[in-house]
PDB file of N, CA and C in Angstrom:
ATOM      1  N   MET A   1     137.058 102.970 117.595  1.00  0.00           N
ATOM      2  CA  MET A   1     136.846 102.696 116.497  1.00  0.00           C
ATOM      3  C   MET A   1     136.211 101.366 116.095  1.00  0.00           C
ATOM      4  N   SER A   2     136.694 100.439 116.447  1.00  0.00           N
ATOM      5  CA  SER A   2     136.384  99.166 116.159  1.00  0.00           C
ATOM      6  C   SER A   2     134.571  98.905 116.253  1.00  0.00           C
ATOM      7  N   SER A   3     134.281  99.762 117.301  1.00  0.00           N
ATOM      8  CA  SER A   3     132.694  99.606 117.873  1.00  0.00           C
ATOM      9  C   SER A   3     131.984 100.203 116.776  1.00  0.00           C
ATOM     10  N   GLN A   4     132.749 101.078 116.078  1.00  0.00           N
ATOM     11  CA  GLN A   4     131.815 101.769 115.087  1.00  0.00           C
ATOM     12  C   GLN A   4     131.988 101.227 113.591  1.00  0.00           C
ATOM     13  N   TYR A   5     133.000 100.811 113.633  1.00  0.00           N
ATOM     14  CA  TYR A   5     132.948  99.706 112.229  1.00  0.00           C
ATOM     15  C   TYR A   5     131.758  98.347 112.796  1.00  0.00           C
ATOM     16  N   LYS A   6     131.810  97.884 113.733  1.00  0.00           N
ATOM     17  CA  LYS A   6     130.887  96.857 114.040  1.00  0.00           C
ATOM     18  C   LYS A   6     129.559  97.214 113.634  1.00  0.00           C
ATOM     19  N   THR A   7     129.144  98.574 114.733  1.00  0.00           N
ATOM     20  CA  THR A   7     127.815  99.056 114.154  1.00  0.00           C
ATOM     21  C   THR A   7     127.189  99.217 112.721  1.00  0.00           C
ATOM     22  N   ASP A   8     128.256  99.907 112.060  1.00  0.00           N
ATOM     23  CA  ASP A   8     127.980 100.127 110.767  1.00  0.00           C
ATOM     24  C   ASP A   8     127.647  98.551 110.087  1.00  0.00           C
ATOM     25  N   GLN A   9     128.796  97.666 110.177  1.00  0.00           N
ATOM     26  CA  GLN A   9     128.640  96.093 109.541  1.00  0.00           C
ATOM     27  C   GLN A   9     127.354  95.857 110.117  1.00  0.00           C
ATOM     28  N   SER A  10     126.633  95.963 111.316  1.00  0.00           N
ATOM     29  CA  SER A  10     125.402  95.325 111.536  1.00  0.00           C
ATOM     30  C   SER A  10     124.479  96.127 111.035  1.00  0.00           C
ATOM     31  N   VAL A  11     124.552  97.446 110.763  1.00  0.00           N
ATOM     32  CA  VAL A  11     123.474  98.114 110.053  1.00  0.00           C
ATOM     33  C   VAL A  11     123.225  97.624 108.787  1.00  0.00           C
ATOM     34  N   GLU A  12     124.279  97.184 108.022  1.00  0.00           N
ATOM     35  CA  GLU A  12     124.424  96.735 106.410  1.00  0.00           C
ATOM     36  C   GLU A  12     123.864  95.523 106.615  1.00  0.00           C
ATOM     37  N   ASP A  13     124.183  94.714 107.508  1.00  0.00           N
ATOM     38  CA  ASP A  13     123.333  93.264 107.647  1.00  0.00           C
ATOM     39  C   ASP A  13     122.110  93.284 107.730  1.00  0.00           C
ATOM     40  N   ILE A  14     121.531  94.200 108.847  1.00  0.00           N
ATOM     41  CA  ILE A  14     120.213  94.196 108.749  1.00  0.00           C
ATOM     42  C   ILE A  14     119.566  94.731 107.252  1.00  0.00           C
ATOM     43  N   LYS A  15     120.129  95.755 106.978  1.00  0.00           N
ATOM     44  CA  LYS A  15     119.288  96.664 105.739  1.00  0.00           C
ATOM     45  C   LYS A  15     119.459  95.001 104.418  1.00  0.00           C
ATOM     46  N   SER A  16     120.423  94.397 104.593  1.00  0.00           N
ATOM     47  CA  SER A  16     120.370  93.127 103.447  1.00  0.00           C
ATOM     48  C   SER A  16     119.511  92.082 103.619  1.00  0.00           C
ATOM     49  N   GLN A  17     119.063  91.989 105.078  1.00  0.00           N
ATOM     50  CA  GLN A  17     118.166  90.800 105.256  1.00  0.00           C
ATOM     51  C   GLN A  17     117.097  91.192 105.262  1.00  0.00           C
ATOM     52  N   SER A  18     116.571  92.792 105.135  1.00  0.00           N
ATOM     53  CA  SER A  18     115.193  93.284 105.342  1.00  0.00           C
ATOM     54  C   SER A  18     114.575  93.136 103.927  1.00  0.00           C
ATOM     55  N   LYS A  19     115.651  92.985 103.083  1.00  0.00           N
ATOM     56  CA  LYS A  19     114.976  93.137 101.762  1.00  0.00           C
ATOM     57  C   LYS A  19     114.253  91.870 101.169  1.00  0.00           C
ATOM     58  N   VAL A  20     113.149  91.974 100.273  1.00  0.00           N
ATOM     59  CA  VAL A  20     112.628  90.689 100.262  1.00  0.00           C
ATOM     60  C   VAL A  20     112.171  90.427  98.666  1.00  0.00           C
ATOM     61  N   LYS A  21     112.659  89.099  98.347  1.00  0.00           N
ATOM     62  CA  LYS A  21     112.540  89.112  96.950  1.00  0.00           C
ATOM     63  C   LYS A  21     111.203  88.742  96.338  1.00  0.00           C
ATOM     64  N   LEU A  22     110.841  89.336  95.244  1.00  0.00           N
ATOM     65  CA  LEU A  22     109.491  89.292  94.910  1.00  0.00           C
ATOM     66  C   LEU A  22     109.406  87.915  94.233  1.00  0.00           C
ATOM     67  N   SER A  23     110.108  87.275  94.019  1.00  0.00           N
ATOM     68  CA  SER A  23     109.824  85.766  93.499  1.00  0.00           C
ATOM     69  C   SER A  23     109.705  85.041  94.828  1.00  0.00           C
ATOM     70  N   ASP A  24     110.014  85.098  95.895  1.00  0.00           N
ATOM     71  CA  ASP A  24     110.052  84.296  97.116  1.00  0.00           C
ATOM     72  C   ASP A  24     108.381  84.726  97.576  1.00  0.00           C
ATOM     73  N   LEU A  25     107.959  86.154  97.577  1.00  0.00           N
ATOM     74  CA  LEU A  25     106.597  86.293  97.801  1.00  0.00           C
ATOM     75  C   LEU A  25     105.677  85.661  96.947  1.00  0.00           C
ATOM     76  N   LEU A  26     105.957  85.951  95.564  1.00  0.00           N
ATOM     77  CA  LEU A  26     104.965  85.096  94.934  1.00  0.00           C
ATOM     78  C   LEU A  26     104.895  83.607  94.984  1.00  0.00           C
ATOM     79  N   ASN A  27     106.284  82.982  95.171  1.00  0.00           N
ATOM     80  CA  ASN A  27     105.849  81.425  95.758  1.00  0.00           C
ATOM     81  C   ASN A  27     104.972  81.028  96.902  1.00  0.00           C
ATOM     82  N   ARG A  28     105.632  82.449  97.850  1.00  0.00           N
ATOM     83  CA  ARG A  28     104.657  81.800  98.799  1.00  0.00           C
ATOM     84  C   ARG A  28     103.002  81.979  98.581  1.00  0.00           C
ATOM     85  N   ILE A  29     102.763  83.035  98.098  1.00  0.00           N
ATOM     86  CA  ILE A  29     101.199  83.347  97.663  1.00  0.00           C
ATOM     87  C   ILE A  29     100.766  82.264  96.836  1.00  0.00           C
ATOM     88  N   ASN A  30     101.650  81.271  95.660  1.00  0.00           N
ATOM     89  CA  ASN A  30     100.971  80.600  95.044  1.00  0.00           C
ATOM     90  C   ASN A  30     100.902  79.265  96.073  1.00  0.00           C
ATOM     91  N   GLU A  31     101.545  78.893  97.168  1.00  0.00           N
ATOM     92  CA  GLU A  31     101.401  77.775  97.849  1.00  0.00           C
ATOM     93  C   GLU A  31     100.350  77.967  99.015  1.00  0.00           C
ATOM     94  N   GLU A  32      99.939  79.127  99.314  1.00  0.00           N
ATOM     95  CA  GLU A  32      98.631  79.557 100.407  1.00  0.00           C
ATOM     96  C   GLU A  32      97.523  79.306  99.099  1.00  0.00           C
ATOM     97  N   ARG A  33      97.808  79.548  98.195  1.00  0.00           N
ATOM     98  CA  ARG A  33      96.464  79.144  97.506  1.00  0.00           C
ATOM     99  C   ARG A  33      96.224  77.754  96.888  1.00  0.00           C
ATOM    100  N   LYS A  34      97.238  76.967  96.790  1.00  0.00           N
ATOM    101  CA  LYS A  34      96.939  75.528  96.756  1.00  0.00           C
ATOM    102  C   LYS A  34      96.585  75.254  97.756  1.00  0.00           C
ATOM    103  N   ILE A  35      96.963  75.632  99.268  1.00  0.00           N
ATOM    104  CA  ILE A  35      96.602  75.045 100.462  1.00  0.00           C
ATOM    105  C   ILE A  35      95.287  75.153 100.477  1.00  0.00           C
ATOM    106  N   GLU A  36      94.826  76.645 100.401  1.00  0.00           N
ATOM    107  CA  GLU A  36      93.421  76.881 100.564  1.00  0.00           C
ATOM    108  C   GLU A  36      92.266  76.149  99.507  1.00  0.00           C
ATOM    109  N   ARG A  37      92.850  76.097  98.209  1.00  0.00           N
ATOM    110  CA  ARG A  37      91.982  75.730  97.470  1.00  0.00           C
ATOM    111  C   ARG A  37      91.714  73.810  97.860  1.00  0.00           C
ATOM    112  N   ASN A  38      92.722  73.312  98.490  1.00  0.00           N
ATOM    113  CA  ASN A  38      92.816  71.628  98.872  1.00  0.00           C
ATOM    114  C   ASN A  38      91.723  71.733 100.263  1.00  0.00           C
ATOM    115  N   ARG A  39      91.737  72.877 101.098  1.00  0.00           N
ATOM    116  CA  ARG A  39      90.804  73.164 102.338  1.00  0.00           C
ATOM    117  C   ARG A  39      89.342  73.090 101.726  1.00  0.00           C
ATOM    118  N   ASN A  40      89.257  74.035 100.445  1.00  0.00           N
ATOM    119  CA  ASN A  40      87.823  74.536  99.948  1.00  0.00           C
ATOM    120  C   ASN A  40      87.420  72.984  99.443  1.00  0.00           C
ATOM    121  N   LEU A  41      87.974  72.433  99.012  1.00  0.00           N
ATOM    122  CA  LEU A  41      87.676  71.108  98.299  1.00  0.00           C
ATOM    123  C   LEU A  41      87.173  70.140  99.477  1.00  0.00           C
ATOM    124  N   ALA A  42      88.186  70.043 100.339  1.00  0.00           N
ATOM    125  CA  ALA A  42      87.850  69.116 101.625  1.00  0.00           C
ATOM    126  C   ALA A  42      86.341  69.618 102.037  1.00  0.00           C
ATOM    127  N   LEU A  43      86.227  70.817 102.409  1.00  0.00           N
ATOM    128  CA  LEU A  43      84.916  71.188 102.969  1.00  0.00           C
ATOM    129  C   LEU A  43      83.751  71.109 102.305  1.00  0.00           C
ATOM    130  N   SER A  44      83.961  71.363 100.795  1.00  0.00           N
ATOM    131  CA  SER A  44      82.920  71.052  99.704  1.00  0.00           C
ATOM    132  C   SER A  44      82.662  69.682 100.090  1.00  0.00           C
ATOM    133  N   ILE A  45      83.430  68.729  99.968  1.00  0.00           N
ATOM    134  CA  ILE A  45      83.316  67.034  99.975  1.00  0.00           C
ATOM    135  C   ILE A  45      82.446  66.521 101.126  1.00  0.00           C
ATOM    136  N   ALA A  46      82.820  67.340 102.251  1.00  0.00           N
ATOM    137  CA  ALA A  46      82.412  66.985 103.428  1.00  0.00           C
ATOM    138  C   ALA A  46      81.067  67.401 103.620  1.00  0.00           C
ATOM    139  N   ALA A  47      80.535  68.820 102.905  1.00  0.00           N
ATOM    140  CA  ALA A  47      79.259  69.028 103.170  1.00  0.00           C
ATOM    141  C   ALA A  47      78.333  68.312 102.171  1.00  0.00           C
ATOM    142  N   ILE A  48      78.839  67.900 100.855  1.00  0.00           N
ATOM    143  CA  ILE A  48      78.328  67.589  99.751  1.00  0.00           C
ATOM    144  C   ILE A  48      77.808  66.024 100.564  1.00  0.00           C
ATOM    145  N   SER A  49      78.723  65.321 101.188  1.00  0.00           N
ATOM    146  CA  SER A  49      78.865  64.027 101.536  1.00  0.00           C
ATOM    147  C   SER A  49      77.358  64.245 103.082  1.00  0.00           C
ATOM    148  N   ALA A  50      77.478  65.237 103.867  1.00  0.00           N
ATOM    149  CA  ALA A  50      76.764  65.515 104.591  1.00  0.00           C
ATOM    150  C   ALA A  50      75.151  65.548 104.325  1.00  0.00           C
ATOM    151  N   ILE A  51      74.836  66.211 103.384  1.00  0.00           N
ATOM    152  CA  ILE A  51      73.708  66.253 102.517  1.00  0.00           C
ATOM    153  C   ILE A  51      73.135  65.211 102.086  1.00  0.00           C
ATOM    154  N   THR A  52      74.276  64.475 101.268  1.00  0.00           N
ATOM    155  CA  THR A  52      73.817  63.329 100.864  1.00  0.00           C
ATOM    156  C   THR A  52      72.976  62.349 101.835  1.00  0.00           C
ATOM    157  N   VAL A  53      74.149  62.249 103.190  1.00  0.00           N
ATOM    158  CA  VAL A  53      73.680  61.032 104.224  1.00  0.00           C
ATOM    159  C   VAL A  53      72.127  61.463 104.922  1.00  0.00           C
ATOM    160  N   PHE A  54      72.387  62.766 104.999  1.00  0.00           N
ATOM    161  CA  PHE A  54      70.752  63.386 105.637  1.00  0.00           C
ATOM    162  C   PHE A  54      69.627  62.962 104.754  1.00  0.00           C
ATOM    163  N   GLY A  55      70.109  63.161 102.981  1.00  0.00           N
ATOM    164  CA  GLY A  55      68.830  62.951 102.279  1.00  0.00           C
ATOM    165  C   GLY A  55      68.619  61.405 102.237  1.00  0.00           C
ATOM    166  N   ILE A  56      69.414  60.786 102.374  1.00  0.00           N
ATOM    167  CA  ILE A  56      69.210  58.835 102.395  1.00  0.00           C
ATOM    168  C   ILE A  56      68.366  59.031 103.957  1.00  0.00           C
ATOM    169  N   ILE A  57      68.745  59.351 105.071  1.00  0.00           N
ATOM    170  CA  ILE A  57      68.218  58.909 106.105  1.00  0.00           C
ATOM    171  C   ILE A  57      66.972  59.737 105.824  1.00  0.00           C
ATOM    172  N   LEU A  58      66.471  60.686 105.552  1.00  0.00           N
ATOM    173  CA  LEU A  58      65.008  61.276 105.053  1.00  0.00           C
ATOM    174  C   LEU A  58      64.161  60.406 104.324  1.00  0.00           C
ATOM    175  N   THR A  59      64.644  59.848 103.446  1.00  0.00           N
ATOM    176  CA  THR A  59      64.188  58.982 102.366  1.00  0.00           C
ATOM    177  C   THR A  59      63.498  57.572 102.967  1.00  0.00           C
ATOM    178  N   LEU A  60      64.188  57.032 104.040  1.00  0.00           N
ATOM    179  CA  LEU A  60      63.856  55.773 104.662  1.00  0.00           C
ATOM    180  C   LEU A  60      62.772  55.710 105.728  1.00  0.00           C
TER     181      LEU A  60
END
């Protein structure tokens, strides 16, 4: 009898843990967008710097 109660309780615990809050998902998406935007900015700056250096070397 007690094992049946423990099983029911663990099933309820799993169900409550598997629920996802929409606000948490939106916050995570916004954080990932910020990180990706920063990566893209860094990559763009690196590419522009490389082109600038290459152009300066060609003009010498």
